[in-house]
Amino acid sequence: MNNIIVNPNGKLILENQEFRCALGKGGISKDKKEGDGSTPAGCFPIREVFYRADRIEKPETVIPTRHLNKDDGWCDDPKDKNYNKFVKLPYPASAESLWRNDNLYNIIVILGYNDSPPISENGSAIFIHIARPNYSSTAGCIALAKPDILKLLKEINKDTLICVKESI
């Protein structure tokens, strides 16, 4: 299995397939910092897939998968011991809700960025998720159309890496 390549021009490539994607409003950075809006450069493993079981069927994939609950969150407070980790809401520190009113988080692919161990201020909650219809920029994630994420999930395995390039 080849790795997934993400280019700064908004193209994600797996083997001979090319998909449009949205990236962080701050571009791609090898020096990612919390809140800078950039997508981190580098190669990252795929940890897990979350999905909204009330909105979509369980994605077909060999990657570990779980359905989201209304109280699921992700800690984005660099000073907290659970920085860049899954948490239950309400949480005493800053944490993003993974249960959104829009459809962007109906599928979330958790990337192994800054998680082993998390380093304060180096960025959190770097996911692949569903893109807005106009593919507008993200806060640092990689966003694709829902059918494209589902197709990728079918074709990858636990050894696949997501490689975000600073240049083409």
Protein backbone atom coordinates (compact mmCIF):
# COMPACT_ATOMS: atom_id res chain seq x y z
CA MET A 1 0.00 0.00 0.00
CA ASN A 2 1.33 3.40 -0.95
CA ASN A 3 1.11 6.39 1.33
CA ILE A 4 -1.38 9.19 0.81
CA ILE A 5 0.30 12.36 -0.50
CA VAL A 6 -1.23 15.76 0.23
CA ASN A 7 0.10 18.60 -1.91
CA PRO A 8 -0.14 22.32 -1.05
CA ASN A 9 -2.26 22.90 -4.18
CA GLY A 10 -5.21 21.10 -2.56
CA LYS A 11 -4.68 17.73 -4.23
CA LEU A 12 -4.61 14.47 -2.27
CA ILE A 13 -3.14 11.50 -4.11
CA LEU A 14 -3.45 7.78 -3.34
CA GLU A 15 -1.72 5.59 -5.93
CA ASN A 16 -3.19 6.72 -9.28
CA GLN A 17 -6.21 8.51 -7.80
CA GLU A 18 -6.38 12.26 -7.20
CA PHE A 19 -8.89 13.99 -4.91
CA ARG A 20 -9.59 17.65 -4.22
CA CYS A 21 -9.01 18.68 -0.60
CA ALA A 22 -9.09 21.76 1.59
CA LEU A 23 -6.18 22.62 3.84
CA GLY A 24 -5.54 25.02 6.71
CA LYS A 25 -6.08 28.74 6.15
CA GLY A 26 -2.46 29.25 7.27
CA GLY A 27 -1.09 26.97 4.54
CA ILE A 28 1.28 24.09 5.26
CA SER A 29 3.91 24.48 7.96
CA LYS A 30 6.76 22.34 9.26
CA ASP A 31 6.60 24.48 12.44
CA LYS A 32 2.91 24.05 13.35
CA LYS A 33 1.72 25.96 16.44
CA GLU A 34 -1.60 25.82 18.29
CA GLY A 35 -4.13 28.15 16.69
CA ASP A 36 -2.01 29.17 13.67
CA GLY A 37 -4.50 27.66 11.19
CA SER A 38 -1.81 25.74 9.35
CA THR A 39 -1.80 22.10 8.28
CA PRO A 40 1.34 20.39 9.61
CA ALA A 41 3.91 19.14 7.11
CA GLY A 42 5.20 15.60 7.53
CA CYS A 43 4.05 11.98 7.42
CA PHE A 44 1.52 10.83 10.00
CA PRO A 45 -0.13 7.51 10.82
CA ILE A 46 -3.89 7.05 10.88
CA ARG A 47 -5.01 6.28 14.44
CA GLU A 48 -8.77 5.85 14.34
CA VAL A 49 -12.00 6.76 12.57
CA PHE A 50 -14.99 8.37 14.32
CA TYR A 51 -18.39 8.66 12.65
CA ARG A 52 -21.89 9.95 13.39
CA ALA A 53 -23.99 6.77 13.48
CA ASP A 54 -27.16 8.89 13.54
CA ARG A 55 -26.22 10.35 10.13
CA ILE A 56 -24.13 7.78 8.23
CA GLU A 57 -23.43 4.07 8.18
CA LYS A 58 -20.22 2.74 9.69
CA PRO A 59 -17.46 3.35 7.13
CA GLU A 60 -15.94 0.29 5.49
CA THR A 61 -12.31 0.20 6.65
CA VAL A 62 -9.74 -1.89 8.49
CA ILE A 63 -8.83 1.15 10.61
CA PRO A 64 -10.25 1.00 14.18
CA THR A 65 -13.66 2.71 14.11
CA ARG A 66 -16.11 4.01 16.69
CA HIS A 67 -19.32 6.01 16.63
CA LEU A 68 -19.42 9.48 18.13
CA ASN A 69 -21.49 10.45 21.14
CA LYS A 70 -22.89 13.89 21.97
CA ASP A 71 -20.37 14.37 24.79
CA ASP A 72 -17.25 13.53 22.76
CA GLY A 73 -14.58 16.21 22.54
CA TRP A 74 -10.92 16.89 21.80
CA CYS A 75 -8.77 18.90 24.21
CA ASP A 76 -7.04 21.88 22.57
CA ASP A 77 -5.68 23.53 25.73
CA PRO A 78 -1.84 23.37 25.57
CA LYS A 79 -1.63 23.68 29.37
CA ASP A 80 -3.91 20.70 30.06
CA LYS A 81 -2.63 17.17 30.75
CA ASN A 82 -5.01 15.85 28.06
CA TYR A 83 -3.82 18.27 25.36
CA ASN A 84 -4.45 16.85 21.88
CA LYS A 85 -6.43 13.91 23.27
CA PHE A 86 -9.98 12.62 23.13
CA VAL A 87 -12.04 13.80 26.16
CA LYS A 88 -15.61 13.72 27.40
CA LEU A 89 -17.57 16.99 27.58
CA PRO A 90 -18.13 19.08 29.53
CA TYR A 91 -14.38 19.26 30.12
CA PRO A 92 -12.72 21.68 32.58
CA ALA A 93 -10.18 22.92 30.00
CA SER A 94 -10.73 24.13 26.43
CA ALA A 95 -12.01 21.31 24.24
CA GLU A 96 -13.64 21.15 20.82
CA SER A 97 -16.96 19.34 20.50
CA LEU A 98 -16.79 16.50 17.98
CA TRP A 99 -20.60 16.42 17.76
CA ARG A 100 -21.29 19.27 15.35
CA ASN A 101 -24.51 20.67 13.92
CA ASP A 102 -23.01 20.84 10.43
CA ASN A 103 -21.88 17.70 8.59
CA LEU A 104 -18.10 18.32 8.69
CA TYR A 105 -17.46 15.81 11.49
CA ASN A 106 -19.85 13.09 10.31
CA ILE A 107 -16.57 11.27 9.56
CA ILE A 108 -13.34 12.12 11.37
CA VAL A 109 -10.07 10.38 10.58
CA ILE A 110 -7.74 10.91 13.55
CA LEU A 111 -4.17 11.52 12.43
CA GLY A 112 -1.18 10.69 14.59
CA TYR A 113 0.10 14.26 14.72
CA ASN A 114 1.72 15.56 17.94
CA ASP A 115 0.33 12.69 19.98
CA SER A 116 3.24 10.48 21.01
CA PRO A 117 3.56 12.30 23.35
CA PRO A 118 1.75 15.61 22.74
CA ILE A 119 4.04 18.64 22.98
CA SER A 120 2.41 21.77 24.38
CA GLU A 121 1.63 24.44 21.73
CA ASN A 122 2.60 22.21 18.76
CA GLY A 123 -0.98 21.85 17.54
CA SER A 124 -3.98 19.66 18.24
CA ALA A 125 -7.02 18.11 16.60
CA ILE A 126 -5.44 17.46 13.21
CA PHE A 127 -7.99 15.33 11.38
CA ILE A 128 -9.26 14.41 7.96
CA HIS A 129 -12.93 15.40 7.86
CA ILE A 130 -15.68 16.31 5.40
CA ALA A 131 -15.10 19.46 3.36
CA ARG A 132 -17.53 22.34 3.08
CA PRO A 133 -19.25 22.40 -0.34
CA ASN A 134 -16.93 25.22 -1.51
CA TYR A 135 -13.79 23.56 -0.09
CA SER A 136 -13.05 26.61 2.05
CA SER A 137 -9.99 26.49 4.29
CA THR A 138 -9.91 24.57 7.55
CA ALA A 139 -8.35 25.44 10.91
CA GLY A 140 -5.48 23.05 10.07
CA CYS A 141 -7.21 19.82 9.10
CA ILE A 142 -7.42 18.13 5.70
CA ALA A 143 -10.98 18.11 4.34
CA LEU A 144 -12.41 16.05 1.48
CA ALA A 145 -15.82 15.30 0.01
CA LYS A 146 -17.61 12.56 1.95
CA PRO A 147 -17.53 10.04 -0.96
CA ASP A 148 -13.77 10.60 -1.30
CA ILE A 149 -13.14 9.93 2.41
CA LEU A 150 -15.25 6.76 2.23
CA LYS A 151 -13.29 5.60 -0.85
CA LEU A 152 -9.93 6.29 0.84
CA LEU A 153 -10.97 4.46 4.00
CA LYS A 154 -11.77 1.33 1.96
CA GLU A 155 -8.33 1.37 0.32
CA ILE A 156 -5.96 2.14 3.20
CA ASN A 157 -4.61 -0.01 6.00
CA LYS A 158 -3.01 0.49 9.42
CA ASP A 159 0.41 1.04 7.81
CA THR A 160 -0.73 3.82 5.46
CA LEU A 161 0.75 7.24 6.23
CA ILE A 162 -0.66 10.65 5.35
CA CYS A 163 2.27 12.68 3.96
CA VAL A 164 1.66 16.42 3.78
CA LYS A 165 4.18 18.12 1.49
CA GLU A 166 5.36 21.73 1.77
CA SER A 167 5.93 21.90 -1.98
CA ILE A 168 5.01 19.87 -5.06
